[in-house]
C-alpha cells in the first residue's frame, strides 16, 4: 500500500492509500473530473503526483438563453 498525494499546481486535490502508484501519462478520474498524470515523485515512501485537468469541449461560451416574452 502506498500513500499517494494528488496535486494540481500547488493545490492538494486528494490523498489516498492505493495498492498501485499511477504512471506518468495515465488518465484517471478524481472527483468526477478527468485528469492526466504529469509527474510522479517518490519522497520518503510517499508519492506526490502532479496532475492536469482535461479541458471540457462544449458550449461553455455559447450565447445566453433568450428570454421569452
N, C-alpha and C. Protein backbone atom coordinates (compact mmCIF):
# COMPACT_ATOMS: atom_id res chain seq x y z
N UNK A 1 0.84 -1.18 0.00
CA UNK A 1 0.00 0.00 0.00
C UNK A 1 0.89 1.25 0.00
N UNK A 2 0.48 2.23 -0.79
CA UNK A 2 1.26 3.44 -0.95
C UNK A 2 0.42 4.67 -0.62
N UNK A 3 1.05 5.66 0.01
CA UNK A 3 0.40 6.95 0.23
C UNK A 3 0.61 7.78 -1.02
N UNK A 4 -0.49 8.19 -1.66
CA UNK A 4 -0.41 8.95 -2.90
C UNK A 4 -1.13 10.28 -2.70
N UNK A 5 -0.42 11.37 -2.98
CA UNK A 5 -0.95 12.72 -2.86
C UNK A 5 -1.09 13.31 -4.26
N UNK A 6 -2.30 13.72 -4.62
CA UNK A 6 -2.57 14.29 -5.93
C UNK A 6 -2.61 15.81 -5.82
N UNK A 7 -1.80 16.48 -6.63
CA UNK A 7 -1.71 17.95 -6.63
C UNK A 7 -2.01 18.49 -8.02
N UNK A 8 -2.72 19.61 -8.05
CA UNK A 8 -2.89 20.39 -9.28
C UNK A 8 -2.20 21.72 -9.01
N UNK A 9 -1.08 21.95 -9.68
CA UNK A 9 -0.19 23.09 -9.41
C UNK A 9 0.25 23.00 -7.96
N UNK A 10 -0.23 23.83 -7.05
CA UNK A 10 0.16 23.72 -5.65
C UNK A 10 -1.02 23.36 -4.75
N UNK A 11 -2.17 23.05 -5.34
CA UNK A 11 -3.37 22.72 -4.58
C UNK A 11 -3.49 21.21 -4.38
N UNK A 12 -3.67 20.80 -3.14
CA UNK A 12 -3.87 19.39 -2.83
C UNK A 12 -5.29 19.01 -3.20
N UNK A 13 -5.43 18.02 -4.09
CA UNK A 13 -6.75 17.56 -4.51
C UNK A 13 -7.22 16.37 -3.67
N UNK A 14 -6.32 15.42 -3.46
CA UNK A 14 -6.72 14.18 -2.82
C UNK A 14 -5.48 13.48 -2.28
N UNK A 15 -5.59 12.89 -1.10
CA UNK A 15 -4.56 11.98 -0.62
C UNK A 15 -5.25 10.64 -0.37
N UNK A 16 -4.64 9.60 -0.89
CA UNK A 16 -5.31 8.32 -0.92
C UNK A 16 -4.30 7.20 -0.71
N UNK A 17 -4.73 6.15 -0.04
CA UNK A 17 -3.93 4.95 0.14
C UNK A 17 -4.26 4.01 -1.02
N UNK A 18 -3.28 3.73 -1.87
CA UNK A 18 -3.51 2.95 -3.08
C UNK A 18 -2.60 1.73 -3.11
N UNK A 19 -3.05 0.68 -3.81
CA UNK A 19 -2.23 -0.52 -3.98
C UNK A 19 -1.25 -0.36 -5.12
N UNK A 20 -1.56 0.55 -6.06
CA UNK A 20 -0.72 0.73 -7.23
C UNK A 20 -0.53 2.22 -7.48
N UNK A 21 0.69 2.64 -7.73
CA UNK A 21 1.00 4.04 -7.98
C UNK A 21 0.71 4.34 -9.45
N UNK A 22 0.01 5.45 -9.76
CA UNK A 22 -0.27 5.77 -11.15
C UNK A 22 1.02 6.12 -11.91
N UNK A 23 1.04 5.80 -13.19
CA UNK A 23 2.20 6.08 -14.03
C UNK A 23 2.03 7.41 -14.74
N UNK A 24 3.15 7.99 -15.18
CA UNK A 24 3.09 9.25 -15.92
C UNK A 24 2.36 9.04 -17.24
N UNK A 25 1.49 9.99 -17.57
CA UNK A 25 0.72 9.90 -18.80
C UNK A 25 -0.58 9.12 -18.67
N UNK A 26 -0.84 8.56 -17.52
CA UNK A 26 -2.05 7.77 -17.29
C UNK A 26 -3.25 8.69 -17.08
N UNK A 27 -4.41 8.30 -17.61
CA UNK A 27 -5.64 9.06 -17.42
C UNK A 27 -6.40 8.48 -16.24
N UNK A 28 -6.88 9.37 -15.36
CA UNK A 28 -7.63 8.97 -14.17
C UNK A 28 -8.86 9.85 -14.04
N UNK A 29 -9.72 9.49 -13.10
CA UNK A 29 -10.87 10.31 -12.75
C UNK A 29 -10.83 10.57 -11.25
N UNK A 30 -10.80 11.85 -10.87
CA UNK A 30 -10.83 12.24 -9.47
C UNK A 30 -11.94 13.25 -9.29
N UNK A 31 -12.81 12.99 -8.33
CA UNK A 31 -13.93 13.87 -8.02
C UNK A 31 -14.79 14.14 -9.25
N UNK A 32 -14.95 13.13 -10.10
CA UNK A 32 -15.81 13.25 -11.27
C UNK A 32 -15.20 14.00 -12.43
N UNK A 33 -13.93 14.36 -12.35
CA UNK A 33 -13.28 15.09 -13.43
C UNK A 33 -12.13 14.25 -13.99
N UNK A 34 -11.96 14.31 -15.29
CA UNK A 34 -10.89 13.57 -15.94
C UNK A 34 -9.59 14.33 -15.79
N UNK A 35 -8.53 13.59 -15.41
CA UNK A 35 -7.22 14.20 -15.24
C UNK A 35 -6.17 13.36 -15.95
N UNK A 36 -5.02 13.96 -16.17
CA UNK A 36 -3.88 13.25 -16.75
C UNK A 36 -2.69 13.46 -15.82
N UNK A 37 -1.97 12.38 -15.53
CA UNK A 37 -0.83 12.43 -14.62
C UNK A 37 0.36 13.06 -15.34
N UNK A 38 0.91 14.13 -14.77
CA UNK A 38 2.06 14.81 -15.36
C UNK A 38 3.36 14.22 -14.86
N UNK A 39 3.57 14.26 -13.54
CA UNK A 39 4.80 13.73 -12.96
C UNK A 39 4.49 12.95 -11.69
N UNK A 40 5.38 12.04 -11.35
CA UNK A 40 5.28 11.25 -10.12
C UNK A 40 6.62 11.33 -9.40
N UNK A 41 6.59 11.73 -8.11
CA UNK A 41 7.80 11.83 -7.31
C UNK A 41 7.67 10.96 -6.08
N UNK A 42 8.75 10.25 -5.73
CA UNK A 42 8.77 9.41 -4.54
C UNK A 42 9.69 10.06 -3.52
N UNK A 43 9.11 10.52 -2.41
CA UNK A 43 9.88 11.14 -1.33
C UNK A 43 9.45 10.50 -0.01
N UNK A 44 10.39 9.84 0.65
CA UNK A 44 10.14 9.23 1.96
C UNK A 44 8.92 8.32 1.97
N UNK A 45 8.84 7.40 1.03
CA UNK A 45 7.76 6.43 0.92
C UNK A 45 6.39 7.06 0.69
N UNK A 46 6.37 8.30 0.22
CA UNK A 46 5.14 8.97 -0.16
C UNK A 46 5.28 9.36 -1.62
N UNK A 47 4.20 9.23 -2.36
CA UNK A 47 4.23 9.54 -3.79
C UNK A 47 3.44 10.82 -4.03
N UNK A 48 4.11 11.80 -4.64
CA UNK A 48 3.48 13.07 -4.97
C UNK A 48 3.23 13.09 -6.47
N UNK A 49 1.96 13.20 -6.84
CA UNK A 49 1.56 13.12 -8.24
C UNK A 49 1.01 14.47 -8.67
N UNK A 50 1.65 15.07 -9.68
CA UNK A 50 1.15 16.31 -10.27
C UNK A 50 0.23 15.95 -11.42
N UNK A 51 -0.95 16.58 -11.45
CA UNK A 51 -1.94 16.26 -12.47
C UNK A 51 -2.40 17.53 -13.17
N UNK A 52 -2.98 17.36 -14.35
CA UNK A 52 -3.61 18.45 -15.08
C UNK A 52 -5.01 18.02 -15.47
N UNK A 53 -5.95 18.94 -15.35
CA UNK A 53 -7.32 18.65 -15.73
C UNK A 53 -7.49 18.76 -17.22
N UNK A 54 -8.33 17.90 -17.79
CA UNK A 54 -8.64 17.99 -19.21
C UNK A 54 -9.70 19.06 -19.39
N UNK A 55 -9.54 19.87 -20.42
CA UNK A 55 -10.45 20.97 -20.70
C UNK A 55 -11.70 20.40 -21.37
N UNK A 56 -12.85 20.80 -20.86
CA UNK A 56 -14.11 20.34 -21.44
C UNK A 56 -14.37 21.08 -22.74
N UNK A 57 -14.75 20.34 -23.75
CA UNK A 57 -15.11 20.95 -25.02
C UNK A 57 -16.62 20.94 -25.11
N UNK A 58 -17.20 22.09 -25.34
CA UNK A 58 -18.64 22.13 -25.39
C UNK A 58 -19.13 23.53 -25.61
N UNK A 59 -20.32 23.77 -25.14
CA UNK A 59 -20.97 25.05 -25.35
C UNK A 59 -20.82 25.96 -24.14
N UNK A 60 -19.66 26.02 -23.58
CA UNK A 60 -19.43 26.86 -22.41
C UNK A 60 -19.49 28.34 -22.76
N UNK A 61 -19.10 28.69 -23.97
CA UNK A 61 -19.08 30.08 -24.39
C UNK A 61 -20.26 30.42 -25.29
N UNK A 62 -21.30 29.63 -25.24
CA UNK A 62 -22.47 29.85 -26.10
C UNK A 62 -23.24 31.09 -25.62
N UNK A 63 -24.09 31.59 -26.48
CA UNK A 63 -24.89 32.76 -26.14
C UNK A 63 -25.85 32.42 -25.01
N UNK A 64 -26.12 33.37 -24.12
CA UNK A 64 -27.07 33.09 -23.05
C UNK A 64 -28.47 32.89 -23.64
N UNK A 65 -29.26 32.13 -22.95
CA UNK A 65 -30.61 31.82 -23.43
C UNK A 65 -31.44 33.09 -23.54
N UNK A 66 -32.16 33.22 -24.62
CA UNK A 66 -33.01 34.39 -24.83
C UNK A 66 -34.28 34.23 -24.01
N UNK A 67 -34.70 35.33 -23.40
CA UNK A 67 -35.89 35.29 -22.57
C UNK A 67 -37.13 35.36 -23.44
N UNK A 68 -38.12 34.58 -23.04
CA UNK A 68 -39.40 34.62 -23.75
C UNK A 68 -40.25 35.75 -23.20
N UNK A 69 -40.97 36.39 -24.08
CA UNK A 69 -41.85 37.48 -23.63
C UNK A 69 -43.22 36.97 -23.29
